Amino acid sequence: MASQHFDYIIVGGGSAGCVVASRLVAEHEARVLLIEAGPRKVSRILAMPAGYMKFLARDTYLTMHKVVPQPQLEGRAPIVPQARVLGGGSAVNAMVYIRGQAEDYDSWDETLGGAGWSYEDLLPHFISQEGNDHLGKPYHGVSGPLKVSHLGQHSAMSRAFVQALQEKGVPYNSDFNGARQAGVGFMQHTIDWETRRRCSAVDAFLRPVLSDPKLTVLADTVATRIRIENGRATGVEAKCPSGVETFHADSEVVLAAGTYMTPKLMMLSGLGPSDELSHHGIVVRAELPGVGRNLQDHHEVPIVASTIGAFGYFGQDRGLAMMGHGLQYMLFKSGAVTTTGVEACAFIDPDGSARPNLQLYCVPTVYLDRDVSGVEPTHGVTLNPCLQRPKARGSVRLASSDPLAAPQVDPQFFGDPEDLRLTIAGLRYAREVLRTDPVRDMIDREIFPGSEVMSDEALAAHCRRTVKTNYHPVGTCRMGRETDRDAVVTPDLKVRGIEGLRIVDASIMPTITSGNTNAPVLAIADKAVDIMTGRAVGRDAGQLVSRRRISHANQV
């Protein structure tokens, strides 16, 4: 390496890290080091929309965090995976593009005292990033690098689900990222419509600058400590394939390692709750009691029914069927390989309010978490009510002072009784969907937990046995006002009490957004670059889009 000095060091090459690195290099001529703990390249299979399903249970590109035993789950300790690869979750996820509700961001902004984090403030960033294949103004962009489209195929079960919800009085929604989120419809995905390939954060943002000499990417490299001198972050120590090295940041260190690993690195560096740091023999550099607290994650519980025919994707990933689908995809870019298998959902409130608090997924096969047994694979459908805004708060703590040791993750699924009550209401609602035409005509019987499981007590036991993450952890380094003692970063994303250090990933969210979190993380990172570089952005989405078009043209 020619120089160990950079303008910016970014720790974490996931969605947020790719956005920040790309813009700092392309638009601001900055010398950037991007550190990623996982590999630089992924299997070509992951570029196919259906390909991610081959890696869901593997640790090839995922760190399988086992949570601490959960007393409220009778000691169960589910697995909560986190991506470990360049591109992060965007390289291995199900590619669903959901921004959340306007109320999510407006509540942030109200808590922060009008600091520029409202939905109106974030919308220009969503629009400027997006290259939607069929939706435009006023909510969508068509010229951005992040390709967004509908899937190339919808199963018969997904279509029936959308019709059944309408039969129940839920309105059809052609755009969950538009004027309203409530309703039922087909989800948009970060897939390029022309090539029918995944559009990850690497594809959309990082690839155009990968050959730029101002950018250095170190993969398979674990940041072990932030160097702090006289109250300022000056660099990062990291374990590289060649050994331990120190890198210096002349401007800022930027943390984008995610909701589990960002607070871990903070605490290893002496930034966090003093009692926890002292317990592990770590010198306290800044007392920040909020580091590792406020963990939130979407979680879901399944209702599974067998079907009277092949209305979904059971068995389609094996043998001759798989070979036929692969050939169809290669020749025509169509067929089952062009779907993620998670095609439709509904945003509802089973209690009847106008603001949805559950995302009801329709998965046209039998889909259960890895530690749930007792259900034989068969032709079927799984309906997953997913809690959008859980009230419980978990934590991320250090297991030891060893920088290579996994953190202790405590998600507190059902740690608040209201979360369990609402999930049970979602299960009852899902059962109503199974009894509604045209879904009813496709169903043989409910096989899990079984139609005999009726009482709240029995359904609560089912919830505790089967609850799983929806892979959306946030909040462990939340932002707040300068006077908020438990806030880790201020509204400009600076770490309180330390100069030259910012956080730009999902850990800064005060509260979780209502839906899949990749799109919000990308927008947060985009806004972070404007804050870092002093480029104030107005609320005119058109002006921001025009500026990005000029910048992209200059890159080319």
Protein backbone atom coordinates (compact mmCIF):
# COMPACT_ATOMS: atom_id res chain seq x y z
CA MET A 1 0.00 0.00 0.00
CA ALA A 2 1.54 3.28 -1.13
CA SER A 3 0.23 5.30 1.81
CA GLN A 4 -1.37 4.55 5.16
CA HIS A 5 -2.94 8.04 5.22
CA PHE A 6 -6.42 8.75 3.83
CA ASP A 7 -8.89 11.58 4.02
CA TYR A 8 -11.62 9.25 5.19
CA ILE A 9 -11.60 5.73 6.57
CA ILE A 10 -14.94 3.93 6.27
CA VAL A 11 -15.40 0.83 8.42
CA GLY A 12 -17.96 -1.46 6.82
CA GLY A 13 -18.47 -2.09 3.12
CA GLY A 14 -22.23 -2.68 3.25
CA SER A 15 -25.01 -0.54 1.81
CA ALA A 16 -24.10 2.60 3.75
CA GLY A 17 -20.36 2.23 3.25
CA CYS A 18 -20.70 1.80 -0.51
CA VAL A 19 -22.80 4.96 -0.85
CA VAL A 20 -20.48 7.10 1.25
CA ALA A 21 -17.30 5.84 -0.38
CA SER A 22 -18.68 6.32 -3.88
CA ARG A 23 -19.77 9.90 -3.40
CA LEU A 24 -16.70 11.02 -1.45
CA VAL A 25 -14.43 9.73 -4.23
CA ALA A 26 -16.51 10.70 -7.27
CA GLU A 27 -17.85 14.08 -6.18
CA HIS A 28 -15.35 15.32 -3.61
CA GLU A 29 -12.01 13.92 -4.85
CA ALA A 30 -11.37 12.41 -1.43
CA ARG A 31 -8.84 9.68 -0.69
CA VAL A 32 -10.93 6.93 0.87
CA LEU A 33 -10.12 3.62 2.56
CA LEU A 34 -13.07 1.21 2.72
CA ILE A 35 -12.61 -1.67 5.17
CA GLU A 36 -14.81 -4.76 4.84
CA ALA A 37 -14.63 -7.81 7.11
CA GLY A 38 -15.99 -10.17 4.46
CA PRO A 39 -14.85 -11.13 0.97
CA ARG A 40 -14.77 -8.74 -1.95
CA LYS A 41 -16.70 -10.93 -4.41
CA VAL A 42 -19.81 -13.06 -4.17
CA SER A 43 -21.00 -16.09 -6.09
CA ARG A 44 -22.53 -15.33 -9.48
CA ILE A 45 -25.61 -17.17 -8.27
CA LEU A 46 -26.42 -14.23 -5.99
CA ALA A 47 -26.88 -11.97 -9.01
CA MET A 48 -29.95 -14.05 -9.93
CA PRO A 49 -33.08 -12.87 -8.08
CA ALA A 50 -33.80 -16.38 -6.76
CA GLY A 51 -30.15 -17.14 -6.04
CA TYR A 52 -30.02 -15.74 -2.51
CA MET A 53 -32.18 -18.62 -1.25
CA LYS A 54 -29.23 -20.97 -1.77
CA PHE A 55 -27.26 -19.06 0.89
CA LEU A 56 -29.89 -18.31 3.57
CA ALA A 57 -28.70 -21.06 5.91
CA ARG A 58 -24.99 -20.87 5.07
CA ASP A 59 -22.27 -18.80 6.70
CA THR A 60 -20.48 -18.17 3.38
CA TYR A 61 -21.45 -14.49 3.37
CA LEU A 62 -23.26 -14.27 6.70
CA THR A 63 -22.21 -14.08 10.32
CA MET A 64 -24.66 -16.24 12.24
CA HIS A 65 -25.04 -14.41 15.55
CA LYS A 66 -26.65 -16.62 18.17
CA VAL A 67 -28.58 -14.38 20.54
CA VAL A 68 -28.39 -14.74 24.28
CA PRO A 69 -31.07 -17.10 25.67
CA GLN A 70 -34.39 -15.26 25.83
CA PRO A 71 -36.31 -15.86 29.09
CA GLN A 72 -39.55 -14.62 27.49
CA LEU A 73 -39.04 -17.29 24.79
CA GLU A 74 -38.52 -19.98 27.44
CA GLY A 75 -34.75 -19.90 26.94
CA ARG A 76 -34.80 -20.13 23.14
CA ALA A 77 -31.86 -18.44 21.38
CA PRO A 78 -32.63 -17.85 17.68
CA ILE A 79 -30.00 -17.04 15.08
CA VAL A 80 -29.81 -13.46 13.78
CA PRO A 81 -27.63 -13.38 10.64
CA GLN A 82 -25.69 -10.32 9.47
CA ALA A 83 -24.11 -9.96 6.03
CA ARG A 84 -20.33 -10.25 5.87
CA VAL A 85 -19.36 -9.32 2.31
CA LEU A 86 -18.71 -6.24 0.20
CA GLY A 87 -22.17 -4.80 -0.44
CA GLY A 88 -23.46 -6.06 2.89
CA GLY A 89 -27.12 -6.97 3.07
CA SER A 90 -27.77 -5.53 -0.38
CA ALA A 91 -25.57 -8.29 -1.84
CA VAL A 92 -27.31 -11.21 -0.12
CA ASN A 93 -30.83 -10.07 0.85
CA ALA A 94 -34.22 -10.64 -0.77
CA MET A 95 -33.90 -7.26 -2.53
CA VAL A 96 -37.22 -5.83 -1.30
CA TYR A 97 -37.35 -2.04 -1.73
CA ILE A 98 -39.55 -0.46 0.97
CA ARG A 99 -38.91 3.04 2.28
CA GLY A 100 -41.23 3.01 5.29
CA GLN A 101 -43.93 5.45 6.34
CA ALA A 102 -43.71 9.23 6.33
CA GLU A 103 -44.64 9.16 10.01
CA ASP A 104 -41.43 7.22 10.77
CA TYR A 105 -39.18 10.03 9.65
CA ASP A 106 -41.45 12.83 10.86
CA SER A 107 -41.30 11.35 14.37
CA TRP A 108 -37.50 11.34 14.17
CA ASP A 109 -37.50 14.98 13.15
CA GLU A 110 -39.90 15.96 15.90
CA THR A 111 -37.74 14.24 18.52
CA LEU A 112 -34.65 15.93 17.09
CA GLY A 113 -36.26 19.37 17.16
CA GLY A 114 -36.63 19.84 13.41
CA ALA A 115 -33.04 18.96 12.50
CA GLY A 116 -33.73 17.91 8.89
CA TRP A 117 -34.70 14.25 9.23
CA SER A 118 -38.38 14.45 8.23
CA TYR A 119 -39.87 12.46 5.36
CA GLU A 120 -39.83 15.61 3.27
CA ASP A 121 -36.10 15.92 3.97
CA LEU A 122 -35.34 12.28 3.11
CA LEU A 123 -37.51 12.02 -0.02
CA PRO A 124 -35.01 13.83 -2.30
CA HIS A 125 -32.37 11.28 -1.34
CA PHE A 126 -34.63 8.34 -2.14
CA ILE A 127 -35.51 9.89 -5.49
CA SER A 128 -31.97 10.82 -6.51
CA GLN A 129 -30.70 7.29 -5.87
CA GLU A 130 -33.50 5.48 -7.66
CA GLY A 131 -33.75 4.27 -11.25
CA ASN A 132 -37.29 2.92 -11.26
CA ASP A 133 -38.39 1.01 -14.33
CA HIS A 134 -42.03 2.19 -14.34
CA LEU A 135 -42.72 4.76 -11.58
CA GLY A 136 -41.79 8.45 -11.70
CA LYS A 137 -42.68 11.76 -10.06
CA PRO A 138 -43.58 12.83 -7.48
CA TYR A 139 -42.26 9.92 -5.40
CA HIS A 140 -39.75 8.15 -7.63
CA GLY A 141 -36.60 8.70 -9.62
CA VAL A 142 -35.96 7.15 -13.01
CA SER A 143 -32.32 8.12 -13.63
CA GLY A 144 -30.57 7.06 -10.43
CA PRO A 145 -28.05 4.21 -10.22
CA LEU A 146 -30.15 1.97 -7.94
CA LYS A 147 -32.36 -0.05 -10.24
CA VAL A 148 -35.83 -0.79 -8.85
CA SER A 149 -38.51 -2.89 -10.53
CA HIS A 150 -41.23 -5.43 -10.03
CA LEU A 151 -40.29 -9.08 -10.22
CA GLY A 152 -40.28 -10.99 -13.49
CA GLN A 153 -42.78 -13.54 -12.18
CA HIS A 154 -45.59 -13.76 -9.63
CA SER A 155 -46.87 -17.15 -8.51
CA ALA A 156 -50.51 -18.14 -8.59
CA MET A 157 -50.55 -18.09 -4.77
CA SER A 158 -49.17 -14.54 -4.61
CA ARG A 159 -51.84 -13.33 -7.02
CA ALA A 160 -54.55 -15.12 -5.04
CA PHE A 161 -53.27 -13.54 -1.81
CA VAL A 162 -53.56 -10.05 -3.31
CA GLN A 163 -57.11 -10.80 -4.47
CA ALA A 164 -58.13 -12.32 -1.13
CA LEU A 165 -57.03 -9.26 0.82
CA GLN A 166 -59.10 -7.08 -1.50
CA GLU A 167 -62.03 -9.42 -0.91
CA LYS A 168 -61.57 -8.63 2.80
CA GLY A 169 -61.76 -4.92 2.07
CA VAL A 170 -58.06 -4.06 1.98
CA PRO A 171 -57.39 -1.65 -0.91
CA TYR A 172 -54.97 -2.56 -3.67
CA ASN A 173 -51.78 -0.51 -3.50
CA SER A 174 -49.67 -0.33 -6.65
CA ASP A 175 -46.87 1.55 -4.87
CA PHE A 176 -45.97 0.94 -1.23
CA ASN A 177 -43.40 3.76 -1.56
CA GLY A 178 -45.88 6.35 -2.82
CA ALA A 179 -48.62 8.42 -1.25
CA ARG A 180 -49.55 5.73 1.28
CA GLN A 181 -48.21 2.44 2.49
CA ALA A 182 -51.44 0.81 3.63
CA GLY A 183 -52.95 -1.83 1.38
CA VAL A 184 -52.05 -5.02 -0.44
CA GLY A 185 -49.93 -5.46 -3.55
CA PHE A 186 -46.70 -6.65 -5.08
CA MET A 187 -43.40 -5.43 -3.68
CA GLN A 188 -40.74 -3.58 -5.64
CA HIS A 189 -37.22 -5.01 -5.62
CA THR A 190 -33.70 -3.74 -6.30
CA ILE A 191 -33.47 -5.66 -9.56
CA ASP A 192 -32.48 -4.30 -12.96
CA TRP A 193 -35.48 -4.88 -15.20
CA GLU A 194 -33.41 -5.12 -18.41
CA THR A 195 -30.90 -7.70 -17.18
CA ARG A 196 -33.08 -9.31 -14.45
CA ARG A 197 -30.08 -9.19 -12.14
CA ARG A 198 -29.66 -8.00 -8.56
CA CYS A 199 -28.67 -4.36 -8.18
CA SER A 200 -26.65 -4.29 -4.96
CA ALA A 201 -24.99 -1.26 -3.40
CA VAL A 202 -21.77 -2.41 -5.09
CA ASP A 203 -23.48 -2.52 -8.48
CA ALA A 204 -25.30 0.78 -8.05
CA PHE A 205 -22.76 2.94 -6.24
CA LEU A 206 -19.32 1.45 -5.73
CA ARG A 207 -18.50 -0.18 -9.06
CA PRO A 208 -18.13 3.14 -10.98
CA VAL A 209 -15.27 4.16 -8.65
CA LEU A 210 -13.60 0.81 -7.96
CA SER A 211 -10.82 1.56 -10.45
CA ASP A 212 -10.29 5.10 -9.13
CA PRO A 213 -6.84 5.34 -7.49
CA LYS A 214 -8.31 7.53 -4.75
CA LEU A 215 -10.28 4.54 -3.44
CA THR A 216 -8.67 1.66 -1.58
CA VAL A 217 -10.83 -1.34 -0.67
CA LEU A 218 -9.53 -3.81 1.90
CA ALA A 219 -11.66 -6.95 2.08
CA ASP A 220 -11.25 -9.80 4.59
CA THR A 221 -10.09 -7.13 7.01
CA VAL A 222 -11.50 -6.67 10.52
CA ALA A 223 -11.30 -3.27 12.19
CA THR A 224 -10.28 -3.92 15.79
CA ARG A 225 -9.99 -0.44 17.30
CA ILE A 226 -10.55 3.23 16.53
CA ARG A 227 -7.43 5.21 17.34
CA ILE A 228 -8.27 8.22 19.50
CA GLU A 229 -5.80 10.98 20.35
CA ASN A 230 -6.69 14.01 22.44
CA GLY A 231 -10.41 13.42 22.00
CA ARG A 232 -10.22 12.96 18.24
CA ALA A 233 -10.53 9.84 16.07
CA THR A 234 -7.32 9.73 14.04
CA GLY A 235 -7.41 6.31 12.45
CA VAL A 236 -8.22 2.62 12.67
CA GLU A 237 -6.31 -0.49 13.67
CA ALA A 238 -7.27 -3.54 11.65
CA LYS A 239 -6.44 -7.20 11.30
CA CYS A 240 -5.59 -7.68 7.62
CA PRO A 241 -4.71 -10.91 5.81
CA SER A 242 -1.09 -9.73 6.07
CA GLY A 243 -1.28 -8.93 9.79
CA VAL A 244 -2.30 -6.06 12.05
CA GLU A 245 -1.95 -2.60 10.51
CA THR A 246 -2.76 0.98 11.45
CA PHE A 247 -4.41 3.41 9.04
CA HIS A 248 -4.66 7.15 9.56
CA ALA A 249 -7.63 9.41 8.72
CA ASP A 250 -6.75 13.02 8.07
CA SER A 251 -10.39 14.10 8.02
CA GLU A 252 -12.80 11.58 9.57
CA VAL A 253 -13.39 7.98 10.55
CA VAL A 254 -16.83 6.86 9.39
CA LEU A 255 -18.51 3.82 10.93
CA ALA A 256 -20.83 1.80 8.67
CA ALA A 257 -20.37 -1.68 10.14
CA GLY A 258 -24.02 -2.19 11.04
CA THR A 259 -26.21 -2.39 14.10
CA TYR A 260 -24.28 -5.22 15.75
CA MET A 261 -20.68 -4.47 14.82
CA THR A 262 -20.63 -0.66 15.00
CA PRO A 263 -21.40 -0.56 18.75
CA LYS A 264 -18.98 -3.44 19.29
CA LEU A 265 -16.14 -1.46 17.67
CA MET A 266 -17.15 1.65 19.61
CA MET A 267 -16.94 -0.19 22.92
CA LEU A 268 -13.66 -1.90 22.04
CA SER A 269 -12.32 1.62 21.44
CA GLY A 270 -13.42 2.92 24.83
CA LEU A 271 -16.62 4.62 23.69
CA GLY A 272 -19.68 3.42 25.53
CA PRO A 273 -21.16 2.69 28.98
CA SER A 274 -18.37 3.06 31.51
CA ASP A 275 -19.52 0.13 33.66
CA GLU A 276 -19.46 -2.23 30.68
CA LEU A 277 -16.08 -1.02 29.47
CA SER A 278 -14.55 -1.26 32.93
CA HIS A 279 -15.91 -4.79 33.30
CA HIS A 280 -13.80 -5.80 30.29
CA GLY A 281 -10.74 -3.80 31.31
CA ILE A 282 -11.18 -1.20 28.56
CA VAL A 283 -10.08 2.38 29.22
CA VAL A 284 -13.05 4.76 28.93
CA ARG A 285 -12.42 7.41 26.28
CA ALA A 286 -15.95 8.81 26.27
CA GLU A 287 -18.87 7.91 28.53
CA LEU A 288 -21.70 7.11 26.10
CA PRO A 289 -24.33 5.07 27.94
CA GLY A 290 -26.47 4.65 24.81
CA VAL A 291 -23.92 2.62 22.85
CA GLY A 292 -25.33 -0.86 22.28
CA ARG A 293 -28.75 0.00 23.72
CA ASN A 294 -32.08 0.64 21.93
CA LEU A 295 -31.81 -2.44 19.67
CA GLN A 296 -34.93 -2.95 17.56
CA ASP A 297 -35.66 -5.54 14.90
CA HIS A 298 -38.65 -6.60 12.85
CA HIS A 299 -39.73 -10.10 13.79
CA GLU A 300 -42.34 -12.47 12.42
CA VAL A 301 -44.27 -15.66 13.21
CA PRO A 302 -45.59 -18.15 10.61
CA ILE A 303 -48.93 -19.70 9.79
CA VAL A 304 -48.41 -22.57 7.31
CA ALA A 305 -51.00 -24.33 5.17
CA SER A 306 -50.65 -27.13 2.66
CA THR A 307 -52.20 -26.64 -0.77
CA ILE A 308 -54.17 -28.93 -3.05
CA GLY A 309 -51.80 -28.29 -5.94
CA ALA A 310 -48.50 -26.79 -7.01
CA PHE A 311 -49.39 -23.11 -6.62
CA GLY A 312 -45.96 -22.04 -5.38
CA TYR A 313 -42.29 -22.97 -5.47
CA PHE A 314 -41.98 -26.21 -3.52
CA GLY A 315 -39.45 -28.50 -5.23
CA GLN A 316 -38.60 -25.97 -7.94
CA ASP A 317 -35.00 -25.57 -6.74
CA ARG A 318 -34.02 -29.19 -7.32
CA GLY A 319 -33.46 -31.68 -10.11
CA LEU A 320 -34.92 -31.27 -13.59
CA ALA A 321 -37.17 -28.41 -12.50
CA MET A 322 -34.16 -26.38 -11.37
CA MET A 323 -32.29 -27.13 -14.59
CA GLY A 324 -35.27 -26.07 -16.68
CA HIS A 325 -35.70 -22.82 -14.78
CA GLY A 326 -31.99 -22.07 -15.09
CA LEU A 327 -32.07 -22.62 -18.84
CA GLN A 328 -35.14 -20.40 -19.21
CA TYR A 329 -33.43 -17.66 -17.25
CA MET A 330 -30.21 -17.83 -19.27
CA LEU A 331 -32.03 -17.81 -22.62
CA PHE A 332 -34.97 -15.50 -21.97
CA LYS A 333 -34.43 -13.81 -18.57
CA SER A 334 -37.83 -15.06 -17.46
CA GLY A 335 -39.37 -17.72 -15.26
CA ALA A 336 -38.95 -18.77 -11.64
CA VAL A 337 -35.35 -17.56 -11.37
CA THR A 338 -36.59 -13.96 -11.85
CA THR A 339 -38.51 -14.04 -8.55
CA THR A 340 -37.27 -13.81 -4.97
CA GLY A 341 -40.13 -16.01 -3.81
CA VAL A 342 -41.36 -13.13 -1.63
CA GLU A 343 -43.59 -11.35 -4.10
CA ALA A 344 -46.60 -9.89 -2.30
CA CYS A 345 -47.46 -8.45 1.07
CA ALA A 346 -50.07 -6.37 2.84
CA PHE A 347 -49.55 -3.48 5.24
CA ILE A 348 -52.37 -3.65 7.76
CA ASP A 349 -53.44 -3.00 11.33
CA PRO A 350 -55.52 -5.89 12.66
CA ASP A 351 -56.90 -3.49 15.30
CA GLY A 352 -58.38 -1.34 12.53
CA SER A 353 -56.39 1.92 12.69
CA ALA A 354 -55.37 3.71 9.49
CA ARG A 355 -51.62 3.44 10.11
CA PRO A 356 -50.33 -0.10 9.44
CA ASN A 357 -48.36 -1.81 12.17
CA LEU A 358 -47.99 -5.25 10.56
CA GLN A 359 -46.44 -6.31 7.27
CA LEU A 360 -48.15 -9.55 6.26
CA TYR A 361 -45.88 -11.48 3.90
CA CYS A 362 -47.11 -14.19 1.56
CA VAL A 363 -44.42 -16.82 0.94
CA PRO A 364 -45.66 -19.42 -1.60
CA THR A 365 -43.90 -22.39 0.02
CA VAL A 366 -43.27 -23.82 3.50
CA TYR A 367 -40.81 -21.41 5.11
CA LEU A 368 -39.64 -21.78 8.73
CA ASP A 369 -36.59 -20.73 10.70
CA ARG A 370 -33.67 -23.13 10.99
CA ASP A 371 -34.39 -24.18 14.59
CA VAL A 372 -38.08 -24.97 14.02
CA SER A 373 -38.92 -28.61 13.33
CA GLY A 374 -41.96 -30.81 13.01
CA VAL A 375 -43.27 -29.64 9.63
CA GLU A 376 -42.69 -31.80 6.59
CA PRO A 377 -41.81 -29.98 3.32
CA THR A 378 -44.76 -29.97 0.95
CA HIS A 379 -46.69 -27.82 -1.48
CA GLY A 380 -47.91 -24.97 0.68
CA VAL A 381 -48.00 -21.33 1.64
CA THR A 382 -46.59 -19.47 4.64
CA LEU A 383 -48.17 -16.23 5.88
CA ASN A 384 -45.86 -14.24 8.14
CA PRO A 385 -47.26 -11.29 10.11
CA CYS A 386 -44.20 -9.14 10.77
CA LEU A 387 -44.28 -6.54 13.54
CA GLN A 388 -43.33 -3.15 12.10
CA ARG A 389 -42.70 -1.05 15.19
CA PRO A 390 -41.93 -3.31 18.19
CA LYS A 391 -42.06 -1.68 21.59
CA ALA A 392 -39.41 -3.90 23.19
CA ARG A 393 -35.81 -2.73 23.21
CA GLY A 394 -32.81 -5.04 23.19
CA SER A 395 -29.07 -4.55 23.38
CA VAL A 396 -25.66 -5.41 21.98
CA ARG A 397 -22.90 -5.95 24.52
CA LEU A 398 -19.30 -7.12 24.49
CA ALA A 399 -18.62 -10.77 25.16
CA SER A 400 -14.99 -9.91 25.96
CA SER A 401 -12.26 -7.46 25.01
CA ASP A 402 -11.17 -9.80 22.22
CA PRO A 403 -11.89 -7.86 18.99
CA LEU A 404 -12.53 -11.12 17.12
CA ALA A 405 -15.14 -12.38 19.58
CA ALA A 406 -18.78 -12.08 18.52
CA PRO A 407 -20.86 -9.54 20.44
CA GLN A 408 -23.68 -10.58 22.75
CA VAL A 409 -26.95 -9.82 20.96
CA ASP A 410 -30.15 -9.61 23.02
CA PRO A 411 -33.06 -8.74 20.67
CA GLN A 412 -35.80 -9.03 23.33
CA PHE A 413 -38.35 -10.51 20.92
CA PHE A 414 -41.70 -10.20 22.76
CA GLY A 415 -39.98 -8.39 25.60
CA ASP A 416 -43.03 -6.12 25.67
CA PRO A 417 -46.45 -7.83 26.04
CA GLU A 418 -47.99 -5.53 23.42
CA ASP A 419 -45.65 -7.00 20.78
CA LEU A 420 -46.95 -10.49 21.55
CA ARG A 421 -50.59 -9.35 21.59
CA LEU A 422 -50.29 -7.68 18.21
CA THR A 423 -48.52 -10.68 16.69
CA ILE A 424 -51.29 -13.00 17.87
CA ALA A 425 -53.82 -10.63 16.29
CA GLY A 426 -51.79 -10.87 13.08
CA LEU A 427 -51.92 -14.67 13.18
CA ARG A 428 -55.69 -14.61 13.55
CA TYR A 429 -55.90 -12.20 10.64
CA ALA A 430 -53.71 -14.48 8.51
CA ARG A 431 -56.05 -17.37 9.25
CA GLU A 432 -58.93 -15.28 7.93
CA VAL A 433 -56.97 -14.79 4.71
CA LEU A 434 -56.60 -18.57 4.36
CA ARG A 435 -60.39 -18.82 4.58
CA THR A 436 -61.01 -16.13 1.96
CA ASP A 437 -61.47 -16.75 -1.77
CA PRO A 438 -59.53 -17.28 -3.97
CA VAL A 439 -56.90 -18.48 -1.46
CA ARG A 440 -59.45 -20.76 0.22
CA ASP A 441 -59.92 -22.76 -2.97
CA MET A 442 -56.18 -23.54 -3.04
CA ILE A 443 -55.80 -24.63 0.60
CA ASP A 444 -55.88 -28.21 1.81
CA ARG A 445 -55.45 -27.55 5.53
CA GLU A 446 -53.48 -25.57 8.08
CA ILE A 447 -50.50 -27.67 9.08
CA PHE A 448 -48.67 -25.34 11.46
CA PRO A 449 -49.44 -24.64 14.22
CA GLY A 450 -52.66 -26.45 13.27
CA SER A 451 -56.31 -25.45 13.35
CA GLU A 452 -56.69 -26.91 16.87
CA VAL A 453 -54.37 -24.22 18.26
CA MET A 454 -56.99 -21.57 19.01
CA SER A 455 -56.57 -19.90 22.39
CA ASP A 456 -54.40 -16.87 23.02
CA GLU A 457 -52.27 -18.99 25.36
CA ALA A 458 -51.68 -21.66 22.72
CA LEU A 459 -50.92 -19.09 20.01
CA ALA A 460 -48.54 -17.31 22.40
CA ALA A 461 -46.67 -20.59 22.85
CA HIS A 462 -46.49 -20.93 19.06
CA CYS A 463 -45.09 -17.39 18.84
CA ARG A 464 -42.39 -18.08 21.41
CA ARG A 465 -41.45 -21.30 19.65
CA THR A 466 -41.20 -19.87 16.12
CA VAL A 467 -40.51 -16.12 16.20
CA LYS A 468 -37.66 -15.18 13.87
CA THR A 469 -35.85 -12.07 12.74
CA ASN A 470 -36.81 -10.31 9.53
CA TYR A 471 -33.12 -9.27 9.27
CA HIS A 472 -33.65 -5.56 10.04
CA PRO A 473 -31.74 -4.66 13.25
CA VAL A 474 -31.40 -0.93 13.97
CA GLY A 475 -30.93 1.62 16.69
CA THR A 476 -27.87 0.70 18.80
CA CYS A 477 -26.10 4.07 18.29
CA ARG A 478 -29.17 6.24 17.95
CA MET A 479 -29.13 9.91 17.14
CA GLY A 480 -30.65 12.55 19.40
CA ARG A 481 -30.31 16.12 20.50
CA GLU A 482 -27.07 17.37 22.01
CA THR A 483 -28.77 17.42 25.41
CA ASP A 484 -29.95 13.80 25.11
CA ARG A 485 -27.60 11.87 27.38
CA ASP A 486 -28.47 8.50 25.85
CA ALA A 487 -28.00 9.65 22.26
CA VAL A 488 -24.79 8.39 20.68
CA VAL A 489 -24.72 10.72 17.68
CA THR A 490 -26.13 14.19 17.17
CA PRO A 491 -28.36 15.00 14.15
CA ASP A 492 -25.23 15.64 12.06
CA LEU A 493 -24.24 12.01 12.82
CA LYS A 494 -21.17 13.02 14.84
CA VAL A 495 -20.34 10.85 17.83
CA ARG A 496 -20.87 12.89 20.99
CA GLY A 497 -17.66 13.84 22.75
CA ILE A 498 -15.28 12.69 20.01
CA GLU A 499 -14.09 14.76 17.07
CA GLY A 500 -13.62 13.27 13.61
CA LEU A 501 -15.96 10.30 14.12
CA ARG A 502 -19.38 9.71 12.54
CA ILE A 503 -21.82 6.84 12.19
CA VAL A 504 -23.87 6.45 9.01
CA ASP A 505 -25.56 3.03 9.21
CA ALA A 506 -28.86 1.66 10.57
CA SER A 507 -27.61 1.89 14.14
CA ILE A 508 -28.33 5.65 14.16
CA MET A 509 -32.11 5.20 13.74
CA PRO A 510 -33.95 6.41 16.87
CA THR A 511 -36.86 4.11 16.00
CA ILE A 512 -37.18 1.45 13.35
CA THR A 513 -38.81 2.27 10.04
CA SER A 514 -42.03 0.51 9.03
CA GLY A 515 -40.80 -2.04 6.51
CA ASN A 516 -37.61 -3.45 5.01
CA THR A 517 -34.62 -1.32 5.97
CA ASN A 518 -32.16 -1.42 3.06
CA ALA A 519 -33.73 1.53 1.22
CA PRO A 520 -33.73 3.77 4.35
CA VAL A 521 -30.08 2.92 5.05
CA LEU A 522 -29.09 3.94 1.51
CA ALA A 523 -30.93 7.26 1.89
CA ILE A 524 -29.40 7.90 5.33
CA ALA A 525 -25.92 7.35 3.90
CA ASP A 526 -26.65 9.69 1.01
CA LYS A 527 -27.79 12.41 3.38
CA ALA A 528 -24.74 11.75 5.54
CA VAL A 529 -22.38 12.67 2.69
CA ASP A 530 -24.16 16.01 2.22
CA ILE A 531 -23.84 16.69 5.95
CA MET A 532 -20.17 15.65 6.03
CA THR A 533 -19.22 17.82 3.08
CA GLY A 534 -21.26 20.84 4.09
CA ARG A 535 -23.58 20.64 1.11
CA ALA A 536 -26.96 21.66 2.45
CA VAL A 537 -29.76 20.04 0.47
CA GLY A 538 -33.08 21.77 0.04
CA ARG A 539 -36.38 20.00 -0.18
CA ASP A 540 -36.64 20.24 -3.96
CA ALA A 541 -36.16 16.68 -5.17
CA GLY A 542 -35.76 17.85 -8.74
CA GLN A 543 -32.74 20.00 -7.86
CA LEU A 544 -31.03 17.08 -6.13
CA VAL A 545 -31.73 14.70 -8.98
CA SER A 546 -30.33 17.20 -11.50
CA ARG A 547 -27.16 17.63 -9.46
CA ARG A 548 -26.61 13.86 -9.32
CA ARG A 549 -27.13 13.49 -13.05
CA ILE A 550 -24.37 16.02 -13.70
CA SER A 551 -22.09 14.23 -11.25
CA HIS A 552 -22.76 10.84 -12.85
CA ALA A 553 -22.04 12.27 -16.29
CA ASN A 554 -18.71 13.58 -15.03
CA GLN A 555 -17.82 10.09 -13.77
CA VAL A 556 -18.50 8.57 -17.17
